[in-house]
Amino acid sequence: MPKFIDRHDQFPKPDGAGLAAMRAQVEGPADEFGVKGINILFGGDGGGYCLMEAPNAEAVVKAHERNGVPLTRAGVTEVSTLI
């Protein structure tokens, strides 16, 4: 399954409930778009990154939209594992 990463310029650290919801997305099964979270990363600059498996970039955008998180196709990059 292809892997994708996306960046969010503003990504405030969530409270306990928000963190639990994010953890559930990473630890749970793929969603209705075929998107499976791998990890969520926080940047020192206040931004954040989502790393996930998905059939394509459009599915990543749809999964974010479902969660009320704005994301454009241009903000999604397919990545490959080197090691």
C-alpha atoms as a PDB file:
ATOM      1  CA  MET A   1       0.000   0.000   0.000  1.00  0.00           C
ATOM      2  CA  PRO A   2       1.426   3.440  -0.880  1.00  0.00           C
ATOM      3  CA  LYS A   3       2.448   5.764   1.963  1.00  0.00           C
ATOM      4  CA  PHE A   4       1.750   9.501   2.107  1.00  0.00           C
ATOM      5  CA  ILE A   5       2.754  12.393   4.339  1.00  0.00           C
ATOM      6  CA  ASP A   6       1.006  15.729   4.602  1.00  0.00           C
ATOM      7  CA  ARG A   7       1.865  18.940   6.413  1.00  0.00           C
ATOM      8  CA  HIS A   8      -0.349  21.235   8.441  1.00  0.00           C
ATOM      9  CA  ASP A   9       1.081  24.703   9.125  1.00  0.00           C
ATOM     10  CA  GLN A  10      -0.843  25.031  12.383  1.00  0.00           C
ATOM     11  CA  PHE A  11      -1.180  21.839  14.398  1.00  0.00           C
ATOM     12  CA  PRO A  12      -1.783  22.566  18.080  1.00  0.00           C
ATOM     13  CA  LYS A  13      -1.100  19.681  20.415  1.00  0.00           C
ATOM     14  CA  PRO A  14      -4.430  18.114  21.354  1.00  0.00           C
ATOM     15  CA  ASP A  15      -5.855  17.680  24.838  1.00  0.00           C
ATOM     16  CA  GLY A  16      -6.456  14.207  26.292  1.00  0.00           C
ATOM     17  CA  ALA A  17      -9.649  13.532  24.330  1.00  0.00           C
ATOM     18  CA  GLY A  18      -8.150  14.800  21.086  1.00  0.00           C
ATOM     19  CA  LEU A  19      -5.048  12.702  21.597  1.00  0.00           C
ATOM     20  CA  ALA A  20      -7.194   9.612  22.260  1.00  0.00           C
ATOM     21  CA  ALA A  21      -9.104  10.220  19.010  1.00  0.00           C
ATOM     22  CA  MET A  22      -5.850  10.579  17.079  1.00  0.00           C
ATOM     23  CA  ARG A  23      -4.471   7.414  18.672  1.00  0.00           C
ATOM     24  CA  ALA A  24      -7.635   5.531  17.673  1.00  0.00           C
ATOM     25  CA  GLN A  25      -7.130   6.586  14.056  1.00  0.00           C
ATOM     26  CA  VAL A  26      -3.549   5.330  14.079  1.00  0.00           C
ATOM     27  CA  GLU A  27      -4.255   2.101  15.939  1.00  0.00           C
ATOM     28  CA  GLY A  28      -7.579   1.323  14.240  1.00  0.00           C
ATOM     29  CA  PRO A  29      -8.394  -0.195  10.870  1.00  0.00           C
ATOM     30  CA  ALA A  30      -8.408   1.673   7.581  1.00  0.00           C
ATOM     31  CA  ASP A  31     -11.331   4.058   7.155  1.00  0.00           C
ATOM     32  CA  GLU A  32     -13.993   4.060   4.438  1.00  0.00           C
ATOM     33  CA  PHE A  33     -11.526   5.692   2.022  1.00  0.00           C
ATOM     34  CA  GLY A  34      -8.893   2.991   2.625  1.00  0.00           C
ATOM     35  CA  VAL A  35      -6.719   5.367   4.676  1.00  0.00           C
ATOM     36  CA  LYS A  36      -4.780   3.880   7.607  1.00  0.00           C
ATOM     37  CA  GLY A  37      -2.866   6.176   9.934  1.00  0.00           C
ATOM     38  CA  ILE A  38       0.734   5.248  10.715  1.00  0.00           C
ATOM     39  CA  ASN A  39       1.855   8.180  12.863  1.00  0.00           C
ATOM     40  CA  ILE A  40       1.179  11.829  13.647  1.00  0.00           C
ATOM     41  CA  LEU A  41       4.210  14.069  14.133  1.00  0.00           C
ATOM     42  CA  PHE A  42       4.506  17.497  15.738  1.00  0.00           C
ATOM     43  CA  GLY A  43       7.059  20.000  14.464  1.00  0.00           C
ATOM     44  CA  GLY A  44       8.972  22.392  16.656  1.00  0.00           C
ATOM     45  CA  ASP A  45       7.581  25.239  14.524  1.00  0.00           C
ATOM     46  CA  GLY A  46       3.965  24.532  15.556  1.00  0.00           C
ATOM     47  CA  GLY A  47       3.165  22.573  12.427  1.00  0.00           C
ATOM     48  CA  GLY A  48       2.401  18.905  12.144  1.00  0.00           C
ATOM     49  CA  TYR A  49       2.564  15.939   9.807  1.00  0.00           C
ATOM     50  CA  CYS A  50       0.337  12.930   9.206  1.00  0.00           C
ATOM     51  CA  LEU A  51       1.935   9.752   7.904  1.00  0.00           C
ATOM     52  CA  MET A  52      -0.489   7.205   6.479  1.00  0.00           C
ATOM     53  CA  GLU A  53      -1.109   4.386   4.056  1.00  0.00           C
ATOM     54  CA  ALA A  54      -3.746   5.046   1.419  1.00  0.00           C
ATOM     55  CA  PRO A  55      -4.717   3.903  -2.049  1.00  0.00           C
ATOM     56  CA  ASN A  56      -4.002   7.406  -3.404  1.00  0.00           C
ATOM     57  CA  ALA A  57      -3.558  11.052  -2.411  1.00  0.00           C
ATOM     58  CA  GLU A  58      -7.195  11.879  -3.084  1.00  0.00           C
ATOM     59  CA  ALA A  59      -8.235   9.390  -0.381  1.00  0.00           C
ATOM     60  CA  VAL A  60      -5.943  11.204   2.079  1.00  0.00           C
ATOM     61  CA  VAL A  61      -7.661  14.511   1.265  1.00  0.00           C
ATOM     62  CA  LYS A  62     -11.115  12.947   1.695  1.00  0.00           C
ATOM     63  CA  ALA A  63     -10.170  11.419   5.057  1.00  0.00           C
ATOM     64  CA  HIS A  64      -8.975  14.796   6.306  1.00  0.00           C
ATOM     65  CA  GLU A  65     -12.128  16.521   5.043  1.00  0.00           C
ATOM     66  CA  ARG A  66     -14.260  13.967   6.909  1.00  0.00           C
ATOM     67  CA  ASN A  67     -12.409  14.947  10.095  1.00  0.00           C
ATOM     68  CA  GLY A  68     -12.879  18.671   9.443  1.00  0.00           C
ATOM     69  CA  VAL A  69      -9.178  19.209   8.710  1.00  0.00           C
ATOM     70  CA  PRO A  70      -8.506  21.332   5.622  1.00  0.00           C
ATOM     71  CA  LEU A  71      -6.055  19.780   3.161  1.00  0.00           C
ATOM     72  CA  THR A  72      -5.473  20.156  -0.567  1.00  0.00           C
ATOM     73  CA  ARG A  73      -4.028  17.602  -2.969  1.00  0.00           C
ATOM     74  CA  ALA A  74      -0.932  19.817  -3.262  1.00  0.00           C
ATOM     75  CA  GLY A  75      -0.300  19.295   0.473  1.00  0.00           C
ATOM     76  CA  VAL A  76       0.000  15.506   0.131  1.00  0.00           C
ATOM     77  CA  THR A  77       3.262  13.789  -0.869  1.00  0.00           C
ATOM     78  CA  GLU A  78       3.761  10.115  -1.612  1.00  0.00           C
ATOM     79  CA  VAL A  79       6.800   8.772   0.257  1.00  0.00           C
ATOM     80  CA  SER A  80       8.847   5.561   0.114  1.00  0.00           C
ATOM     81  CA  THR A  81      10.612   3.677   2.849  1.00  0.00           C
ATOM     82  CA  LEU A  82      14.360   3.472   2.322  1.00  0.00           C
ATOM     83  CA  ILE A  83      15.238   1.082   5.156  1.00  0.00           C
END
